[in-house]
Protein backbone atom coordinates (compact mmCIF):
# COMPACT_ATOMS: atom_id res chain seq x y z
CA UNK A 1 75.35 115.25 85.73
CA UNK A 2 72.38 118.07 86.64
CA UNK A 3 71.26 118.11 90.29
CA UNK A 4 67.86 118.08 89.12
CA UNK A 5 65.51 117.83 86.08
CA UNK A 6 62.44 119.92 86.61
CA UNK A 7 59.12 119.53 84.31
CA UNK A 8 56.87 122.77 84.27
CA UNK A 9 53.06 121.27 83.43
CA UNK A 10 49.67 122.85 83.87
CA UNK A 11 49.10 120.14 86.62
CA UNK A 12 50.14 119.55 90.28
CA UNK A 13 52.42 116.20 89.30
CA UNK A 14 51.56 113.05 88.92
CA UNK A 15 47.89 112.14 89.89
CA UNK A 16 46.81 108.47 91.31
CA UNK A 17 44.18 108.21 88.69
CA UNK A 18 42.83 110.79 85.87
CA UNK A 19 41.00 113.20 87.57
CA UNK A 20 38.74 113.28 84.40
CA UNK A 21 37.38 110.56 85.39
CA UNK A 22 38.09 110.00 88.99
CA UNK A 23 37.17 112.69 91.03
CA UNK A 24 39.05 112.36 94.20
CA UNK A 25 42.51 111.75 92.47
CA UNK A 26 44.86 113.47 94.41
CA UNK A 27 49.13 114.22 93.55
CA UNK A 28 51.67 111.51 93.67
CA UNK A 29 53.85 112.92 96.16
CA UNK A 30 56.74 110.95 95.09
CA UNK A 31 57.42 107.79 92.69
CA UNK A 32 60.57 105.65 91.42
CA UNK A 33 61.56 105.72 88.02
CA UNK A 34 59.58 101.93 87.71
CA UNK A 35 56.70 103.07 89.12
CA UNK A 36 56.18 106.07 86.83
CA UNK A 37 57.41 104.11 83.55
CA UNK A 38 54.61 102.00 84.42
CA UNK A 39 51.95 104.69 84.92
CA UNK A 40 53.00 106.66 81.61
CA UNK A 41 52.68 103.33 79.50
CA UNK A 42 49.13 102.93 80.85
CA UNK A 43 47.79 106.50 79.95
CA UNK A 44 49.24 108.90 82.33
CA UNK A 45 50.49 111.49 80.20
CA UNK A 46 52.31 113.77 82.29
CA UNK A 47 55.89 112.17 81.62
CA UNK A 48 57.08 110.93 78.63
CA UNK A 49 59.07 107.29 79.49
CA UNK A 50 61.98 108.64 76.83
CA UNK A 51 62.03 111.61 78.73
CA UNK A 52 63.26 109.73 81.55
CA UNK A 53 65.58 107.55 80.52
CA UNK A 54 68.64 109.78 80.29
CA UNK A 55 67.62 110.86 83.65
CA UNK A 56 66.76 107.34 85.02
CA UNK A 57 70.57 106.34 83.71
CA UNK A 58 72.23 109.35 85.97
CA UNK A 59 69.93 109.10 88.78
CA UNK A 60 69.12 112.30 88.20
CA UNK A 61 65.74 113.06 90.23
CA UNK A 62 62.36 114.04 88.21
CA UNK A 63 60.42 116.94 89.74
CA UNK A 64 57.21 117.74 88.10
CA UNK A 65 55.80 120.73 88.85
CA UNK A 66 52.40 122.97 88.04
CA UNK A 67 53.31 126.56 85.53
CA UNK A 68 50.13 127.72 87.49
CA UNK A 69 50.53 126.58 90.92
CA UNK A 70 54.64 126.90 91.39
CA UNK A 71 53.58 126.45 95.33
CA UNK A 72 52.39 123.14 95.15
CA UNK A 73 55.00 120.66 96.00
CA UNK A 74 54.60 118.16 92.74
CA UNK A 75 55.68 114.47 92.71
CA UNK A 76 59.15 113.55 93.03
CA UNK A 77 60.47 111.04 90.50
CA UNK A 78 63.75 109.27 91.74
CA UNK A 79 65.39 106.04 91.89
CA UNK A 80 63.49 104.81 94.94
CA UNK A 81 60.10 105.30 97.01
CA UNK A 82 59.96 106.02 100.48
CA UNK A 83 56.37 106.34 100.73
CA UNK A 84 55.04 103.23 102.16
CA UNK A 85 51.54 103.19 100.25
CA UNK A 86 50.53 99.70 98.87
CA UNK A 87 49.85 101.01 95.32
CA UNK A 88 51.17 104.94 93.89
CA UNK A 89 48.55 104.90 90.95
CA UNK A 90 46.05 103.21 88.64
CA UNK A 91 46.32 104.36 85.14
CA UNK A 92 44.19 102.91 81.98
CA UNK A 93 44.36 102.61 78.49
CA UNK A 94 40.94 103.07 76.20
CA UNK A 95 39.72 101.80 73.15
CA UNK A 96 41.43 98.23 73.65
CA UNK A 97 40.11 94.57 72.02
CA UNK A 98 40.99 91.56 73.00
CA UNK A 99 41.89 88.74 70.74
CA UNK A 100 41.74 85.25 72.00
CA UNK A 101 43.78 82.51 69.98
CA UNK A 102 42.43 79.20 71.26
CA UNK A 103 42.16 75.10 70.70
CA UNK A 104 42.98 71.81 71.97
CA UNK A 105 45.84 71.84 69.36
CA UNK A 106 47.52 74.28 71.35
CA UNK A 107 48.67 72.85 74.25
CA UNK A 108 51.81 71.94 74.82
CA UNK A 109 52.86 72.85 71.03
CA UNK A 110 56.10 74.20 70.96
CA UNK A 111 56.48 77.40 68.90
CA UNK A 112 52.68 78.85 69.30
CA UNK A 113 53.39 81.78 71.11
CA UNK A 114 56.37 82.74 68.62
CA UNK A 115 54.75 82.30 65.93
CA UNK A 116 51.74 84.65 67.47
CA UNK A 117 53.69 87.26 68.66
CA UNK A 118 55.92 87.01 65.31
CA UNK A 119 52.84 87.62 62.73
CA UNK A 120 51.67 90.84 64.99
CA UNK A 121 54.61 92.31 64.96
CA UNK A 122 55.49 91.69 61.43
CA UNK A 123 52.29 93.57 60.78
CA UNK A 124 53.56 96.54 63.12
CA UNK A 125 50.74 95.54 65.71
CA UNK A 126 52.40 96.13 69.31
CA UNK A 127 50.68 94.08 71.99
CA UNK A 128 49.49 95.55 75.30
CA UNK A 129 48.81 92.94 77.52
CA UNK A 130 49.16 89.12 77.60
CA UNK A 131 47.05 86.78 79.55
CA UNK A 132 47.84 83.26 79.13
CA UNK A 133 46.58 79.88 81.53
CA UNK A 134 48.61 77.28 82.30
CA UNK A 135 46.88 74.85 80.56
CA UNK A 136 48.26 76.74 77.57
CA UNK A 137 44.52 76.18 75.89
CA UNK A 138 44.41 79.76 75.18
CA UNK A 139 46.49 82.90 74.66
CA UNK A 140 44.49 86.37 75.27
CA UNK A 141 46.42 89.14 73.21
CA UNK A 142 45.12 92.85 74.32
CA UNK A 143 45.80 95.17 71.32
CA UNK A 144 44.52 98.58 70.03
CA UNK A 145 40.93 98.58 68.61
CA UNK A 146 42.16 99.49 65.12
CA UNK A 147 44.73 97.12 64.68
CA UNK A 148 42.22 94.52 66.00
CA UNK A 149 40.99 93.07 62.20
CA UNK A 150 44.19 93.34 60.77
CA UNK A 151 45.68 91.02 63.43
CA UNK A 152 42.80 88.82 62.93
CA UNK A 153 43.22 88.35 59.64
CA UNK A 154 47.08 87.67 59.95
CA UNK A 155 46.72 85.28 62.87
CA UNK A 156 44.15 83.51 60.99
CA UNK A 157 46.20 83.57 57.75
CA UNK A 158 49.27 81.85 59.74
CA UNK A 159 47.13 79.17 61.54
CA UNK A 160 45.02 78.48 58.45
CA UNK A 161 46.00 74.79 58.28
CA UNK A 162 45.21 74.14 62.20
CA UNK A 163 41.71 75.83 61.85
CA UNK A 164 41.01 73.68 59.04
CA UNK A 165 42.08 70.84 60.67
CA UNK A 166 40.01 71.71 63.65
CA UNK A 167 43.15 71.71 65.98
CA UNK A 168 42.30 75.90 66.64
CA UNK A 169 39.42 78.14 66.57
CA UNK A 170 38.70 81.05 64.73
CA UNK A 171 40.52 84.00 66.14
CA UNK A 172 37.57 85.92 68.37
CA UNK A 173 37.53 89.44 68.78
CA UNK A 174 36.03 91.09 71.93
CA UNK A 175 35.99 94.84 71.16
CA UNK A 176 35.18 98.05 73.62
CA UNK A 177 37.46 96.99 76.22
CA UNK A 178 40.05 99.08 78.37
CA UNK A 179 43.27 98.03 80.51
CA UNK A 180 43.00 99.38 83.88
CA UNK A 181 46.38 98.95 85.86
CA UNK A 182 47.14 98.89 89.62
CA UNK A 183 50.93 100.44 90.08
CA UNK A 184 53.04 100.36 92.96
CA UNK A 185 56.69 98.74 94.16
CA UNK A 186 55.09 98.09 97.96
CA UNK A 187 52.72 95.16 96.09
CA UNK A 188 55.27 92.66 96.33
CA UNK A 189 55.97 93.58 100.08
CA UNK A 190 52.74 93.22 101.29
CA UNK A 191 50.45 90.32 99.97
CA UNK A 192 46.59 90.85 99.20
CA UNK A 193 46.71 93.61 96.52
CA UNK A 194 44.93 91.89 93.79
CA UNK A 195 42.57 90.66 96.16
CA UNK A 196 41.48 93.86 97.11
CA UNK A 197 41.27 95.12 93.45
CA UNK A 198 39.00 92.36 91.86
CA UNK A 199 36.97 92.83 95.09
CA UNK A 200 36.73 96.08 94.08
CA UNK A 201 35.64 95.78 90.83
CA UNK A 202 33.30 92.76 91.88
CA UNK A 203 31.54 94.63 94.53
CA UNK A 204 30.46 97.10 91.61
CA UNK A 205 29.82 94.05 89.26
CA UNK A 206 32.65 94.91 86.77
CA UNK A 207 33.39 91.71 85.11
CA UNK A 208 37.39 91.19 84.34
CA UNK A 209 37.79 89.44 80.93
CA UNK A 210 41.52 88.93 81.40
CA UNK A 211 44.12 89.71 83.94
CA UNK A 212 48.06 90.01 84.03
CA UNK A 213 50.66 90.27 86.24
CA UNK A 214 54.53 89.77 86.23
CA UNK A 215 56.88 88.31 88.76
CA UNK A 216 58.10 92.15 89.60
CA UNK A 217 54.47 92.60 91.03
CA UNK A 218 55.05 96.02 90.02
CA UNK A 219 51.80 96.19 87.76
CA UNK A 220 48.57 94.15 88.25
CA UNK A 221 46.32 94.72 84.99
CA UNK A 222 43.21 94.05 83.94
CA UNK A 223 41.18 94.21 81.16
CA UNK A 224 37.45 95.45 81.33
CA UNK A 225 34.39 96.95 79.17
CA UNK A 226 35.16 100.32 78.11
CA UNK A 227 31.68 101.22 79.43
CA UNK A 228 32.79 100.21 82.74
CA UNK A 229 36.01 101.94 82.81
CA UNK A 230 35.26 105.29 85.34
CA UNK A 231 33.47 102.92 87.38
CA UNK A 232 36.25 100.63 87.97
CA UNK A 233 38.57 103.49 88.08
CA UNK A 234 36.76 104.96 91.07
CA UNK A 235 35.58 102.02 92.93
CA UNK A 236 39.81 101.04 93.05
CA UNK A 237 40.59 104.55 94.06
CA UNK A 238 38.16 104.58 96.96
CA UNK A 239 39.53 100.87 97.64
CA UNK A 240 43.13 102.01 97.65
CA UNK A 241 43.25 105.43 98.68
CA UNK A 242 39.96 106.10 100.41
CA UNK A 243 39.73 102.68 101.80
CA UNK A 244 38.82 104.24 104.67
CA UNK A 245 35.91 105.68 104.19
CA UNK A 246 33.07 104.07 101.42
CA UNK A 247 31.56 106.28 99.04
CA UNK A 248 27.55 105.96 98.49
CA UNK A 249 26.54 107.93 95.46
CA UNK A 250 23.00 108.79 95.91
CA UNK A 251 20.54 110.38 93.52
CA UNK A 252 17.49 111.16 94.39
CA UNK A 253 13.97 111.35 93.22
CA UNK A 254 11.31 112.90 94.95
CA UNK A 255 12.20 116.27 96.84
CA UNK A 256 8.89 116.46 98.56
CA UNK A 257 8.44 116.02 102.63
CA UNK A 258 10.18 112.88 102.56
CA UNK A 259 12.97 113.42 100.42
CA UNK A 260 13.91 116.91 102.16
CA UNK A 261 13.47 114.96 105.55
CA UNK A 262 16.18 112.72 104.39
CA UNK A 263 18.74 115.16 102.94
CA UNK A 264 18.19 116.84 106.68
CA UNK A 265 18.94 113.32 108.31
CA UNK A 266 21.80 112.88 106.18
CA UNK A 267 23.09 116.16 106.34
CA UNK A 268 23.04 116.04 110.57
CA UNK A 269 24.65 112.39 110.89
CA UNK A 270 27.69 112.85 108.15
CA UNK A 271 30.22 113.82 110.40
CA UNK A 272 29.37 110.56 112.48
CA UNK A 273 29.31 108.94 109.73
CA UNK A 274 32.29 109.73 108.91
CA UNK A 275 34.06 109.29 111.37
CA UNK A 276 32.71 106.49 113.48
CA UNK A 277 31.24 104.26 110.78
CA UNK A 278 33.83 105.18 107.82
CA UNK A 279 30.71 106.17 105.15
CA UNK A 280 30.51 109.37 103.38
CA UNK A 281 27.52 109.81 101.41
CA UNK A 282 27.54 112.44 98.10
CA UNK A 283 24.01 113.31 96.53
CA UNK A 284 24.82 113.91 92.98
CA UNK A 285 21.52 114.45 91.37
CA UNK A 286 18.11 115.80 92.48
CA UNK A 287 14.48 115.72 90.74
CA UNK A 288 10.89 116.70 91.81
CA UNK A 289 7.86 116.49 88.84
CA UNK A 290 9.08 119.61 87.76
CA UNK A 291 12.73 120.13 87.16
CA UNK A 292 16.27 118.12 88.00
CA UNK A 293 20.07 119.20 89.08
CA UNK A 294 23.15 117.54 89.44
CA UNK A 295 26.27 118.24 90.73
CA UNK A 296 29.22 116.20 89.73
CA UNK A 297 31.08 116.75 93.14
CA UNK A 298 28.10 116.82 95.34
CA UNK A 299 25.94 118.86 96.73
CA UNK A 300 26.62 120.74 99.86
CA UNK A 301 24.14 118.95 102.27
CA UNK A 302 23.91 121.91 104.57
CA UNK A 303 22.40 124.23 101.29
CA UNK A 304 21.13 121.62 98.90
CA UNK A 305 18.62 123.34 96.38
CA UNK A 306 15.33 122.47 95.47
CA UNK A 307 15.48 122.10 91.60
CA UNK A 308 13.77 124.96 90.38
CA UNK A 309 13.24 126.82 86.91
CA UNK A 310 17.36 127.56 86.76
CA UNK A 311 17.88 123.98 86.62
CA UNK A 312 16.90 121.57 83.92
CA UNK A 313 13.01 120.24 83.23
CA UNK A 314 12.35 116.74 84.19
CA UNK A 315 12.88 113.83 82.45
CA UNK A 316 13.21 110.86 83.75
CA UNK A 317 14.88 108.96 80.90
CA UNK A 318 17.41 112.19 80.96
CA UNK A 319 18.17 111.90 84.75
CA UNK A 320 18.75 108.25 84.41
CA UNK A 321 20.79 108.67 81.23
CA UNK A 322 22.84 111.37 83.27
CA UNK A 323 23.24 109.12 86.34
CA UNK A 324 24.71 106.26 84.26
CA UNK A 325 27.23 108.65 82.36
CA UNK A 326 28.66 109.83 85.65
CA UNK A 327 29.37 106.21 85.83
CA UNK A 328 30.40 106.25 89.87
CA UNK A 329 31.05 103.13 92.11
CA UNK A 330 28.31 102.36 94.44
CA UNK A 331 25.58 104.45 93.09
CA UNK A 332 22.34 104.39 94.44
CA UNK A 333 19.19 105.79 92.70
CA UNK A 334 16.47 106.77 95.89
CA UNK A 335 13.34 107.05 94.83
CA UNK A 336 11.18 109.01 97.46
CA UNK A 337 7.99 109.33 95.23
CA UNK A 338 4.54 107.29 94.63
CA UNK A 339 5.28 106.99 91.25
CA UNK A 340 4.32 104.24 89.00
CA UNK A 341 6.57 105.86 86.54
CA UNK A 342 9.50 106.07 88.12
CA UNK A 343 9.10 102.06 89.21
CA UNK A 344 8.47 101.26 85.82
CA UNK A 345 12.35 102.22 85.40
CA UNK A 346 13.61 99.80 88.20
CA UNK A 347 14.95 97.04 86.26
CA UNK A 348 16.68 99.43 83.83
CA UNK A 349 18.27 101.13 86.71
CA UNK A 350 19.35 97.31 88.43
CA UNK A 351 20.44 96.54 85.12
CA UNK A 352 22.78 99.68 84.64
CA UNK A 353 24.58 98.39 87.97
CA UNK A 354 22.89 100.76 90.34
CA UNK A 355 21.23 100.01 93.42
CA UNK A 356 17.79 100.73 94.43
CA UNK A 357 16.75 102.78 97.79
CA UNK A 358 12.79 103.16 97.66
CA UNK A 359 9.44 103.57 99.84
CA UNK A 360 7.34 102.97 96.67
CA UNK A 361 5.48 100.39 96.63
CA UNK A 362 4.31 100.17 93.22
CA UNK A 363 6.77 98.23 91.66
CA UNK A 364 6.71 95.66 94.27
CA UNK A 365 2.72 95.52 94.46
CA UNK A 366 2.79 95.46 90.81
CA UNK A 367 2.19 92.09 88.48
CA UNK A 368 3.79 89.02 90.34
CA UNK A 369 5.64 88.43 87.51
CA UNK A 370 7.36 91.50 87.82
CA UNK A 371 8.04 91.73 91.40
CA UNK A 372 9.98 88.13 90.99
CA UNK A 373 11.53 89.25 88.11
CA UNK A 374 13.18 92.65 89.60
CA UNK A 375 14.02 89.79 92.85
CA UNK A 376 15.88 87.55 90.43
CA UNK A 377 17.21 90.59 88.61
CA UNK A 378 19.00 91.98 91.93
CA UNK A 379 20.23 88.54 92.85
CA UNK A 380 21.69 87.70 89.25
CA UNK A 381 23.62 90.96 89.13
CA UNK A 382 23.90 91.35 92.86
CA UNK A 383 22.71 94.89 93.10
CA UNK A 384 20.87 95.24 95.98
CA UNK A 385 17.16 96.48 95.90
CA UNK A 386 16.47 97.53 99.56
CA UNK A 387 12.68 98.64 99.83
CA UNK A 388 11.73 98.39 104.29
CA UNK A 389 10.09 101.35 104.29
CA UNK A 390 7.22 99.56 101.37
CA UNK A 391 5.26 98.75 104.61
CA UNK A 392 5.24 100.48 107.84
CA UNK A 393 7.57 103.39 107.51
CA UNK A 394 10.71 102.87 109.24
CA UNK A 395 9.90 99.61 111.40
CA UNK A 396 11.92 96.55 110.85
CA UNK A 397 9.25 94.24 108.84
CA UNK A 398 10.15 93.29 105.73
CA UNK A 399 13.91 92.43 107.09
CA UNK A 400 12.53 90.72 109.95
CA UNK A 401 10.21 88.71 107.61
CA UNK A 402 13.06 88.18 105.02
CA UNK A 403 14.95 87.01 108.32
CA UNK A 404 12.41 84.29 109.17
CA UNK A 405 12.18 82.80 105.89
CA UNK A 406 16.04 82.83 105.32
CA UNK A 407 16.14 80.58 108.44
CA UNK A 408 13.60 78.02 107.49
CA UNK A 409 10.81 79.75 109.25
CA UNK A 410 7.30 79.45 107.66
CA UNK A 411 4.72 81.72 107.82
CA UNK A 412 1.25 80.89 108.44
CA UNK A 413 -0.81 83.84 109.39
CA UNK A 414 -0.15 87.81 108.90
CA UNK A 415 -2.05 90.27 110.87
CA UNK A 416 -1.52 94.08 110.49
CA UNK A 417 -2.50 97.54 111.43
CA UNK A 418 -0.36 98.92 107.96
CA UNK A 419 -1.83 102.36 107.47
CA UNK A 420 -0.54 104.78 110.35
CA UNK A 421 -3.70 107.35 108.78
CA UNK A 422 -6.14 104.91 109.17
CA UNK A 423 -4.94 103.99 112.98
CA UNK A 424 -4.82 107.69 113.78
CA UNK A 425 -8.59 107.97 112.27
CA UNK A 426 -9.87 105.01 113.90
CA UNK A 427 -7.98 106.43 117.93
CA UNK A 428 -9.45 109.63 117.31
CA UNK A 429 -12.59 108.53 116.62
CA UNK A 430 -13.09 106.78 119.62
CA UNK A 431 -12.75 110.24 121.54
CA UNK A 432 -15.99 111.21 120.32
CA UNK A 433 -14.82 113.37 116.88
CA UNK A 434 -16.75 113.18 113.88
CA UNK A 435 -15.46 111.01 111.48
CA UNK A 436 -15.25 114.22 108.63
CA UNK A 437 -13.15 115.95 111.49
CA UNK A 438 -10.74 113.49 112.29
CA UNK A 439 -9.99 112.54 108.35
CA UNK A 440 -9.57 116.74 107.94
CA UNK A 441 -7.04 116.47 110.98
CA UNK A 442 -5.21 113.55 109.67
CA UNK A 443 -4.76 115.30 106.48
CA UNK A 444 -3.43 118.74 108.20
CA UNK A 445 -0.97 116.77 110.22
CA UNK A 446 0.42 115.05 106.83
CA UNK A 447 -0.62 111.10 108.01
CA UNK A 448 -2.65 110.91 105.06
CA UNK A 449 -1.99 111.70 101.10
CA UNK A 450 -3.08 115.29 99.90
CA UNK A 451 -6.31 113.33 98.82
CA UNK A 452 -7.61 111.17 101.88
CA UNK A 453 -9.50 108.68 99.49
CA UNK A 454 -6.19 107.25 99.00
CA UNK A 455 -5.59 105.77 101.91
CA UNK A 456 -9.30 105.57 102.98
CA UNK A 457 -10.02 103.44 100.02
CA UNK A 458 -7.82 100.24 101.66
CA UNK A 459 -5.50 100.17 98.64
CA UNK A 460 -2.26 101.11 100.00
CA UNK A 461 -2.97 98.69 103.23
CA UNK A 462 -4.05 96.43 100.31
CA UNK A 463 -0.54 96.60 98.45
CA UNK A 464 1.13 96.12 101.98
CA UNK A 465 -0.33 92.98 102.93
CA UNK A 466 0.44 91.59 99.20
CA UNK A 467 3.78 92.65 99.61
CA UNK A 468 4.29 90.99 103.32
CA UNK A 469 2.29 88.06 101.62
CA UNK A 470 5.21 88.04 98.74
CA UNK A 471 7.72 88.20 100.94
CA UNK A 472 6.71 85.62 103.00
CA UNK A 473 7.01 83.36 99.33
CA UNK A 474 3.44 83.21 98.73
CA UNK A 475 2.21 83.83 95.20
CA UNK A 476 -0.25 86.95 95.84
CA UNK A 477 -1.78 88.43 93.11
CA UNK A 478 -3.75 91.71 93.76
CA UNK A 479 -6.97 89.84 92.76
CA UNK A 480 -6.05 87.72 96.34
CA UNK A 481 -7.14 90.74 98.50
CA UNK A 482 -10.42 91.16 99.59
CA UNK A 483 -10.55 95.53 99.82
CA UNK A 484 -13.45 97.09 101.99
CA UNK A 485 -13.43 100.78 101.43
CA UNK A 486 -14.16 103.60 103.96
CA UNK A 487 -14.98 105.93 101.14
CA UNK A 488 -18.82 106.40 100.88
CA UNK A 489 -19.87 105.60 97.29
CA UNK A 490 -21.38 109.16 96.81
CA UNK A 491 -18.08 110.72 97.92
CA UNK A 492 -15.76 108.37 95.45
CA UNK A 493 -15.70 110.11 92.38
CA UNK A 494 -15.69 114.22 94.10
CA UNK A 495 -13.16 115.96 92.49
CA UNK A 496 -12.58 118.45 94.86
CA UNK A 497 -10.78 117.45 98.25
CA UNK A 498 -12.72 119.83 99.91
CA UNK A 499 -15.64 119.20 98.39
CA UNK A 500 -15.08 115.79 99.50
CA UNK A 501 -14.59 116.81 103.12
CA UNK A 502 -17.89 118.63 102.92
CA UNK A 503 -19.85 115.73 101.47
CA UNK A 504 -17.94 113.27 103.86
CA UNK A 505 -20.32 115.42 106.84
CA UNK A 506 -23.36 113.20 106.25
CA UNK A 507 -21.67 109.78 106.67
CA UNK A 508 -20.63 111.02 110.41
CA UNK A 509 -23.79 109.38 111.81
CA UNK A 510 -22.81 105.92 109.80
CA UNK A 511 -19.61 105.72 111.58
CA UNK A 512 -20.73 107.01 114.91
CA UNK A 513 -23.04 104.32 115.19
CA UNK A 514 -20.17 101.67 114.34
CA UNK A 515 -17.90 102.63 116.97
CA UNK A 516 -21.43 102.75 119.23
CA UNK A 517 -21.86 99.18 118.64
CA UNK A 518 -17.95 97.90 119.17
CA UNK A 519 -18.20 100.18 122.44
CA UNK A 520 -21.37 97.75 123.38
CA UNK A 521 -19.18 94.77 123.05
CA UNK A 522 -15.96 96.45 124.95
CA UNK A 523 -14.24 96.34 121.43
CA UNK A 524 -12.42 98.87 119.49
CA UNK A 525 -12.38 99.69 115.67
CA UNK A 526 -9.22 98.77 113.98
CA UNK A 527 -8.77 98.73 110.16
CA UNK A 528 -6.47 96.08 109.38
CA UNK A 529 -5.12 93.46 107.10
CA UNK A 530 -5.49 89.91 107.74
CA UNK A 531 -3.31 87.08 105.40
CA UNK A 532 -4.05 83.25 105.64
CA UNK A 533 -3.99 80.27 103.80
CA UNK A 534 -3.08 82.21 100.09
CA UNK A 535 -6.07 84.90 100.53
CA UNK A 536 -5.78 88.73 102.19
CA UNK A 537 -8.39 90.82 103.67
CA UNK A 538 -8.46 94.52 104.44
CA UNK A 539 -11.40 95.95 106.40
CA UNK A 540 -12.91 97.43 109.51
CA UNK A 541 -12.87 95.20 112.26
CA UNK A 542 -13.53 95.33 115.81
CA UNK A 543 -11.16 93.56 118.03
CA UNK A 544 -11.41 92.98 121.77
CA UNK A 545 -9.41 93.70 124.76
CA UNK A 546 -7.47 90.28 124.53
CA UNK A 547 -6.08 91.59 121.03
CA UNK A 548 -2.99 92.90 120.36
CA UNK A 549 -4.64 95.50 118.31
CA UNK A 550 -7.00 96.53 120.93
CA UNK A 551 -3.96 98.54 122.77
CA UNK A 552 -2.87 100.68 119.61
CA UNK A 553 -3.16 104.75 119.59
CA UNK A 554 -2.42 107.28 118.04
CA UNK A 555 -0.48 106.53 114.09
CA UNK A 556 1.09 103.54 115.51
CA UNK A 557 1.23 100.35 113.23
CA UNK A 558 1.56 96.64 114.54
CA UNK A 559 1.75 93.46 112.57
CA UNK A 560 1.86 90.11 114.26
CA UNK A 561 3.79 87.20 112.44
CA UNK A 562 2.13 83.98 113.12
CA UNK A 563 4.74 80.77 111.98
CA UNK A 564 5.61 77.58 112.80
CA UNK A 565 8.40 78.91 115.46
CA UNK A 566 6.09 81.72 116.70
CA UNK A 567 3.16 79.80 116.61
CA UNK A 568 1.38 80.06 120.14
CA UNK A 569 2.52 83.44 120.85
CA UNK A 570 3.05 85.48 117.31
CA UNK A 571 6.21 87.62 116.93
CA UNK A 572 4.82 91.59 117.24
CA UNK A 573 6.51 94.69 115.51
CA UNK A 574 5.28 97.90 116.71
CA UNK A 575 5.79 101.75 116.45
CA UNK A 576 4.86 105.19 114.38
CA UNK A 577 3.98 104.10 110.98
CA UNK A 578 3.20 107.04 109.09
CA UNK A 579 4.97 110.87 108.70
CA UNK A 580 7.94 111.96 106.73
CA UNK A 581 10.22 111.66 109.88
CA UNK A 582 10.16 108.17 110.54
CA UNK A 583 9.76 107.11 106.78
CA UNK A 584 12.78 109.28 105.75
CA UNK A 585 14.66 107.67 108.89
CA UNK A 586 13.71 104.02 106.97
CA UNK A 587 14.91 105.09 103.92
CA UNK A 588 18.15 106.52 105.41
CA UNK A 589 18.73 103.14 107.67
CA UNK A 590 18.55 101.23 104.12
CA UNK A 591 21.11 104.01 102.24
CA UNK A 592 23.37 102.68 105.20
CA UNK A 593 23.08 99.35 105.01
CA UNK A 594 23.68 99.46 101.12
CA UNK A 595 27.01 101.21 102.41
CA UNK A 596 27.72 98.52 104.94
CA UNK A 597 26.85 95.93 102.32
CA UNK A 598 29.24 97.80 100.06
CA UNK A 599 32.46 97.38 101.58
């Protein structure tokens, strides 16, 4: 007949989830005895069920308090719970195996369930969860993995004759499973709890193998793969306890100009995203070409460090393994490199159920088979692969093209000034500045790659028109693109960029002559790509004043889509197409779009 029972332990009460697995777990202020019983059965070890039973009989309130932080309120366990939360906590059991007892001969046969559970009971095997469809064709049973083989052996012995007669299949075992359970008395008063559970798991590509829910609606349990447990716990915790905010967990490879700019953009907009759009972004992994760093709680975006000697040496497989081991729901790999090595890992990343956002063109401009396989994998796994910035930095080119195709339009022709650096060079050339000086200026402004020949070769534009062609549902190979390089032959193989720029001066006269010829025809030089009839050309052309490209200035890009709908007047997309700011903005927009898709 005590007034209260206080249990002093090393945590501040019962948590909404295991804090070792769920970074955002919080203390539950109040639980009913029934809720506490359910949570303790499914892994919450703060209070033992037998401890509660005497208090339950006498209706003695139980307080779970923290010895090291006695000022914390802890958790109150009493007869009824007064809070209006839909669920109180999420718990789990690991190292579970599923046994499937099924067969056509089990339908409407009296006593099958009794034989199944009686046989297991005689072998002292405890059943954790039971799931049976109304068809009675199968009974799904969850037990501890250590008991799985014995359970199969005794069940197959019990049903030996049914198996021989073909009335029942051999007992199937699904190992390496876990049970995840949401608990709360209020679920019976509010519809939609199970829908929210399965939606949260489904969005994170977590398959449910079995389900159990009693008529009391105190507990909804689902069996998932053990490897998905941490991700599943985090996904459910965000859905039920942080439902106002969607959290994206970012792992960023490439902390150069674009990567640093992206971090600054996220930091400057984070409060607005949280308050107005209910979207939170946490960066847990950073890597450059030499080093990598991780923070399980998320880096402080106002002081994000550039990975250096004090961190780990960069190792891409280790980076990806660490990302996977953190096992966050709504994880995304952001690749701000131009690395073929990173692009080659995209299939592995998607298979790990991690989304990808990238301006890196290498994957989509590689082999046609690889491009198609990534698109197919993304669709099959329902894991987003966003690459708007593959073409024209932050301009909405790929999304627009995808929408045209999705709505049933057909692309007849694509014309594009797709290189901001090349357009800057030929726009400035018209001012009478020598070609070599304009190239050097473009490099200093960051419009070109560190080696301007990467831009002048036309290969970057070739990759972009190839990607656009593929997005327009044309089976283009790189061999289908004819490229005119602006790199003079005697400058192509000079090792030093400085020497290349010096050698380029000898060719200023050639480009001056090209400009004069265009001026004579009252035209302007544009380095452009054209795709038509399954073939693409990339090179320098002169256009007259009637062409939309005539008015282009600076580093602007312009793309014309001539389609069955936009036939007489092509659709025009124009805007800045080079620079870290616009590219980072495009990547940031894709990340936000991913957050909206994840809701």
